[in-house]
Protein backbone atom coordinates (compact mmCIF):
# COMPACT_ATOMS: atom_id res chain seq x y z
CA MET A 1 -0.05 -0.01 0.03
CA ASP A 2 1.10 3.50 -0.74
CA LYS A 3 0.60 6.19 1.86
CA ILE A 4 -1.45 9.12 0.34
CA GLY A 5 -1.92 11.20 3.60
CA ALA A 6 -2.49 11.49 7.21
CA LEU A 7 -5.37 12.47 9.52
CA TRP A 8 -5.43 13.60 13.17
CA LEU A 9 -8.48 13.20 15.45
CA LYS A 10 -9.41 16.45 17.08
CA THR A 11 -12.20 17.80 19.28
CA GLY A 12 -14.16 20.92 18.22
CA LYS A 13 -15.32 23.61 20.50
CA ASP A 14 -18.68 22.12 20.57
CA GLY A 15 -17.20 18.92 21.71
CA LYS A 16 -17.72 16.85 18.62
CA LYS A 17 -14.77 14.98 17.20
CA PHE A 18 -13.50 15.39 13.70
CA MET A 19 -10.32 14.70 11.73
CA SER A 20 -7.99 17.06 9.92
CA GLY A 21 -5.02 16.50 7.87
CA VAL A 22 -3.60 16.10 4.36
CA ILE A 23 -4.74 13.70 1.56
CA GLY A 24 -2.97 13.75 -1.70
CA GLY A 25 -1.14 17.02 -0.85
CA LYS A 26 -4.46 18.88 -0.09
CA GLN A 27 -5.69 19.88 3.32
CA VAL A 28 -8.92 18.31 4.43
CA LEU A 29 -11.53 18.30 7.34
CA VAL A 30 -13.44 14.98 7.95
CA PHE A 31 -16.76 15.07 9.85
CA LYS A 32 -19.11 12.18 10.76
CA ASN A 33 -22.30 12.43 8.66
CA GLU A 34 -24.86 13.10 11.30
CA ARG A 35 -27.65 13.34 8.61
CA LYS A 36 -27.10 9.66 7.65
CA ASN A 37 -30.44 7.85 7.55
CA ALA A 38 -29.99 5.33 4.91
CA GLU A 39 -27.38 2.52 4.43
CA ASN A 40 -26.13 4.04 1.12
CA HIS A 41 -25.34 7.47 2.68
CA PRO A 42 -21.68 8.11 3.63
CA ASP A 43 -20.50 7.57 7.19
CA TYR A 44 -18.17 10.43 6.96
CA GLN A 45 -17.85 13.67 4.63
CA VAL A 46 -14.63 15.19 3.54
CA PHE A 47 -14.24 18.93 3.07
CA ASP A 48 -11.84 21.46 1.63
CA PRO A 49 -11.17 23.96 4.61
CA GLY A 50 -10.05 26.59 2.13
CA ASN A 51 -13.50 26.59 0.46
CA LYS A 52 -15.60 28.64 2.87
CA THR A 53 -18.40 29.58 0.45
CA ASP A 54 -20.86 27.00 1.98
CA LEU A 55 -20.66 28.82 5.39
CA PRO A 56 -23.26 31.49 6.17
CA SER A 57 -21.74 34.85 6.36
CA LYS A 58 -22.17 36.85 9.59
CA PRO A 59 -22.91 40.44 9.07
CA ASP A 60 -20.49 42.91 10.66
CA ASP A 61 -22.40 45.24 13.05
CA GLU A 62 -20.11 48.14 12.02
CA GLU A 63 -21.25 47.75 8.36
CA VAL A 64 -24.98 48.20 9.18
CA PRO A 65 -26.01 51.74 8.15
CA PHE A 66 -28.59 52.26 10.98
């Protein structure tokens, strides 16, 4: 077998465990799929931490004009 990466188990601020590391030279975050409700759904999901477009943006209070 050829090694393609490494993951570290971590605990988030909310107490939930996740993994972070590098696979194929790319940084990744791995979370347990808490929405799994069928056998064909994945157990874990892999995310690119550099792509934050899926995260909701929080408005800056200083930018609100009123």
